[in-house]
């Protein structure tokens, strides 16, 4: 794993330290990694939303679609036999 050093004003350092304590992180690095992962997820979602908004409209979702979706979910949630 690579190392990165950052400088923070005292107020931000205090905030990070408080978040580490209150949220149960082991280190400030763990907290910052979680913030970065969350930002990556948010950016990916934003990109997907923009792609969807610029795509052609699809077929309306009707009862048949939702019935098939329920079947897929039920199949996915079925307990699997142990080997």
C-alpha atoms as a PDB file:
ATOM      1  CA  UNK A   1       0.000   0.000   0.000  1.00  0.00           C
ATOM      2  CA  UNK A   2       1.280   3.446  -0.900  1.00  0.00           C
ATOM      3  CA  UNK A   3       1.647   6.195   1.684  1.00  0.00           C
ATOM      4  CA  UNK A   4       0.327   9.744   1.347  1.00  0.00           C
ATOM      5  CA  UNK A   5       0.797  12.568   3.825  1.00  0.00           C
ATOM      6  CA  UNK A   6      -1.712  15.400   4.040  1.00  0.00           C
ATOM      7  CA  UNK A   7      -1.775  18.643   5.987  1.00  0.00           C
ATOM      8  CA  UNK A   8      -4.952  19.701   7.761  1.00  0.00           C
ATOM      9  CA  UNK A   9      -5.872  22.789   9.726  1.00  0.00           C
ATOM     10  CA  UNK A  10      -6.317  22.086  13.444  1.00  0.00           C
ATOM     11  CA  UNK A  11     -10.118  22.238  13.173  1.00  0.00           C
ATOM     12  CA  UNK A  12     -10.210  19.555  10.450  1.00  0.00           C
ATOM     13  CA  UNK A  13      -7.732  17.370  12.326  1.00  0.00           C
ATOM     14  CA  UNK A  14      -9.933  17.582  15.409  1.00  0.00           C
ATOM     15  CA  UNK A  15     -12.980  16.682  13.312  1.00  0.00           C
ATOM     16  CA  UNK A  16     -11.215  13.642  11.800  1.00  0.00           C
ATOM     17  CA  UNK A  17     -10.043  12.498  15.231  1.00  0.00           C
ATOM     18  CA  UNK A  18     -13.592  12.812  16.575  1.00  0.00           C
ATOM     19  CA  UNK A  19     -15.007  10.832  13.648  1.00  0.00           C
ATOM     20  CA  UNK A  20     -12.452   8.074  14.172  1.00  0.00           C
ATOM     21  CA  UNK A  21     -13.440   7.799  17.826  1.00  0.00           C
ATOM     22  CA  UNK A  22     -17.221   8.161  17.383  1.00  0.00           C
ATOM     23  CA  UNK A  23     -17.547   5.876  14.377  1.00  0.00           C
ATOM     24  CA  UNK A  24     -15.194   3.167  15.549  1.00  0.00           C
ATOM     25  CA  UNK A  25     -12.453   3.476  12.949  1.00  0.00           C
ATOM     26  CA  UNK A  26      -9.061   2.113  13.948  1.00  0.00           C
ATOM     27  CA  UNK A  27      -7.074   4.975  12.443  1.00  0.00           C
ATOM     28  CA  UNK A  28      -7.562   8.272  10.671  1.00  0.00           C
ATOM     29  CA  UNK A  29      -6.249   6.574   7.519  1.00  0.00           C
ATOM     30  CA  UNK A  30      -9.128   4.101   7.679  1.00  0.00           C
ATOM     31  CA  UNK A  31     -11.606   6.981   7.946  1.00  0.00           C
ATOM     32  CA  UNK A  32     -10.040   8.852   5.006  1.00  0.00           C
ATOM     33  CA  UNK A  33     -10.027   5.671   2.875  1.00  0.00           C
ATOM     34  CA  UNK A  34     -13.750   5.271   3.577  1.00  0.00           C
ATOM     35  CA  UNK A  35     -14.381   8.894   2.552  1.00  0.00           C
ATOM     36  CA  UNK A  36     -12.496   8.318  -0.705  1.00  0.00           C
ATOM     37  CA  UNK A  37     -14.398   5.087  -1.445  1.00  0.00           C
ATOM     38  CA  UNK A  38     -17.694   6.874  -0.788  1.00  0.00           C
ATOM     39  CA  UNK A  39     -16.691   9.675  -3.149  1.00  0.00           C
ATOM     40  CA  UNK A  40     -15.724   7.132  -5.820  1.00  0.00           C
ATOM     41  CA  UNK A  41     -19.129   5.451  -5.451  1.00  0.00           C
ATOM     42  CA  UNK A  42     -20.900   8.818  -5.656  1.00  0.00           C
ATOM     43  CA  UNK A  43     -18.987   9.781  -8.799  1.00  0.00           C
ATOM     44  CA  UNK A  44     -19.747   6.424 -10.429  1.00  0.00           C
ATOM     45  CA  UNK A  45     -23.456   6.793  -9.613  1.00  0.00           C
ATOM     46  CA  UNK A  46     -23.423  10.327 -11.024  1.00  0.00           C
ATOM     47  CA  UNK A  47     -21.852   9.032 -14.242  1.00  0.00           C
ATOM     48  CA  UNK A  48     -24.397   6.222 -14.530  1.00  0.00           C
ATOM     49  CA  UNK A  49     -27.266   8.653 -13.972  1.00  0.00           C
ATOM     50  CA  UNK A  50     -25.945  10.938 -16.700  1.00  0.00           C
ATOM     51  CA  UNK A  51     -25.600   7.966 -19.076  1.00  0.00           C
ATOM     52  CA  UNK A  52     -29.156   6.912 -18.317  1.00  0.00           C
ATOM     53  CA  UNK A  53     -30.490  10.429 -18.762  1.00  0.00           C
ATOM     54  CA  UNK A  54     -28.843  10.731 -22.180  1.00  0.00           C
ATOM     55  CA  UNK A  55     -29.954   7.300 -23.426  1.00  0.00           C
ATOM     56  CA  UNK A  56     -33.052   6.602 -25.460  1.00  0.00           C
ATOM     57  CA  UNK A  57     -36.223   5.843 -23.516  1.00  0.00           C
ATOM     58  CA  UNK A  58     -36.834   2.156 -22.896  1.00  0.00           C
ATOM     59  CA  UNK A  59     -40.009   0.182 -22.835  1.00  0.00           C
ATOM     60  CA  UNK A  60     -42.404   0.972 -20.000  1.00  0.00           C
ATOM     61  CA  UNK A  61     -42.143  -1.471 -17.096  1.00  0.00           C
ATOM     62  CA  UNK A  62     -45.409  -3.341 -16.735  1.00  0.00           C
ATOM     63  CA  UNK A  63     -46.744  -6.242 -14.706  1.00  0.00           C
ATOM     64  CA  UNK A  64     -44.820  -8.797 -16.790  1.00  0.00           C
ATOM     65  CA  UNK A  65     -41.524  -7.060 -16.062  1.00  0.00           C
ATOM     66  CA  UNK A  66     -42.177  -6.897 -12.325  1.00  0.00           C
ATOM     67  CA  UNK A  67     -43.358 -10.520 -12.191  1.00  0.00           C
ATOM     68  CA  UNK A  68     -40.116 -11.635 -13.866  1.00  0.00           C
ATOM     69  CA  UNK A  69     -38.105  -9.444 -11.509  1.00  0.00           C
ATOM     70  CA  UNK A  70     -39.828 -10.966  -8.458  1.00  0.00           C
ATOM     71  CA  UNK A  71     -39.047 -14.446  -9.779  1.00  0.00           C
ATOM     72  CA  UNK A  72     -35.374 -13.552 -10.238  1.00  0.00           C
ATOM     73  CA  UNK A  73     -35.167 -12.173  -6.706  1.00  0.00           C
ATOM     74  CA  UNK A  74     -36.933 -15.232  -5.262  1.00  0.00           C
ATOM     75  CA  UNK A  75     -34.593 -17.557  -7.176  1.00  0.00           C
ATOM     76  CA  UNK A  76     -31.557 -15.609  -5.978  1.00  0.00           C
ATOM     77  CA  UNK A  77     -32.719 -15.730  -2.351  1.00  0.00           C
ATOM     78  CA  UNK A  78     -33.395 -19.469  -2.291  1.00  0.00           C
ATOM     79  CA  UNK A  79     -31.144 -21.389   0.107  1.00  0.00           C
ATOM     80  CA  UNK A  80     -28.535 -23.353  -1.804  1.00  0.00           C
ATOM     81  CA  UNK A  81     -27.903 -27.012  -0.995  1.00  0.00           C
ATOM     82  CA  UNK A  82     -24.711 -27.619   0.932  1.00  0.00           C
ATOM     83  CA  UNK A  83     -22.118 -29.675  -0.860  1.00  0.00           C
END
